[in-house]
Each structure stands twice: as structure tokens, then as C-alpha cells.
Amino acid sequence: METIKARARKWGNSIGLVIPKDVVKKENIHPGKYVEILIPKKTNVLKETFGTFKFKKTAQQILTPL
């Protein structure tokens, strides 16, 4: 199994991913072969941080410019 980052691109009315050539060779991928793609759900890092640490100011006070 290989982990790569690929940019999604517009392909007609769909979205396509380009797999780098070295990964295609290593994993023996060819046209018509099925591949499994795992898409991790991204979370908001700021929300995680504000839920973890204790602050004297509220999140709104920290985010509001002086």
C-alpha cells in the first residue's frame, strides 16, 4: 500500500486524480484496474485546540482583532 497526495482536477463533469508514474509502476496499476482510495475527513484545528486547552479569554475574544 502506498500513501500519496494528489490534487483533484476537473475532468469533464467529474473530478479526477492523477497518480504519479512511480506509484503506478510500483503498485502495478493499469487502465481498468480498480484501486481503493481512502479519504480522511479533515477537522477544524482551531476548534480542536480551543476544546483542549484552558484559556483565560474566550475564543471570540482571542479571534477578534484589537
Protein backbone atom coordinates (compact mmCIF):
# COMPACT_ATOMS: atom_id res chain seq x y z
CA MET A 1 0.00 0.00 0.00
CA GLU A 2 1.27 3.47 -0.90
CA THR A 3 0.31 6.82 0.63
CA ILE A 4 0.40 9.80 -1.75
CA LYS A 5 -1.03 13.28 -2.01
CA ALA A 6 -2.86 14.04 -5.24
CA ARG A 7 -4.62 17.21 -6.34
CA ALA A 8 -8.19 16.77 -7.55
CA ARG A 9 -8.73 18.20 -11.03
CA LYS A 10 -11.80 18.95 -13.11
CA TRP A 11 -12.30 16.25 -15.74
CA GLY A 12 -15.40 16.98 -17.83
CA ASN A 13 -18.31 16.97 -15.37
CA SER A 14 -16.34 14.90 -12.86
CA ILE A 15 -13.27 15.18 -10.65
CA GLY A 16 -10.15 13.13 -11.42
CA LEU A 17 -6.99 12.26 -9.51
CA VAL A 18 -3.59 11.82 -11.13
CA ILE A 19 -1.46 9.04 -9.67
CA PRO A 20 2.32 9.59 -10.01
CA LYS A 21 4.10 7.33 -12.52
CA ASP A 22 6.42 5.74 -9.95
CA VAL A 23 3.43 4.68 -7.81
CA VAL A 24 1.66 3.29 -10.89
CA LYS A 25 4.71 1.11 -11.65
CA LYS A 26 5.30 0.05 -8.05
CA GLU A 27 1.66 -0.93 -7.45
CA ASN A 28 1.18 -2.40 -10.97
CA ILE A 29 -1.82 -0.18 -11.75
CA HIS A 30 -3.14 -0.29 -15.30
CA PRO A 31 -6.22 1.09 -17.10
CA GLY A 32 -9.35 -0.74 -15.99
CA LYS A 33 -7.87 -1.89 -12.68
CA TYR A 34 -9.79 -0.92 -9.55
CA VAL A 35 -7.97 0.95 -6.80
CA GLU A 36 -9.16 1.79 -3.30
CA ILE A 37 -8.93 5.42 -2.18
CA LEU A 38 -9.24 6.36 1.49
CA ILE A 39 -10.31 9.96 2.09
CA PRO A 40 -9.73 11.15 5.66
CA LYS A 41 -12.18 13.69 6.98
CA LYS A 42 -10.42 16.95 7.84
CA THR A 43 -11.36 18.71 11.03
CA ASN A 44 -11.02 22.29 12.14
CA VAL A 45 -7.74 22.51 14.07
CA LEU A 46 -8.81 25.68 15.89
CA LYS A 47 -11.95 24.03 17.25
CA GLU A 48 -9.88 21.08 18.49
CA THR A 49 -7.36 23.43 20.14
CA PHE A 50 -10.00 25.55 21.89
CA GLY A 51 -11.65 22.40 23.20
CA THR A 52 -8.39 21.03 24.62
CA PHE A 53 -6.56 23.89 26.32
CA LYS A 54 -7.85 26.19 29.04
CA PHE A 55 -7.66 29.92 28.20
CA LYS A 56 -8.46 32.99 30.30
CA LYS A 57 -10.09 34.63 27.26
CA THR A 58 -12.96 33.21 25.23
CA ALA A 59 -12.41 32.05 21.65
CA GLN A 60 -14.28 35.13 20.39
CA GLN A 61 -12.01 37.50 22.37
CA ILE A 62 -8.87 35.79 21.01
CA LEU A 63 -10.11 35.88 17.39
CA THR A 64 -11.35 39.50 17.49
CA PRO A 65 -8.59 41.97 16.47
CA LEU A 66 -7.73 44.74 18.92
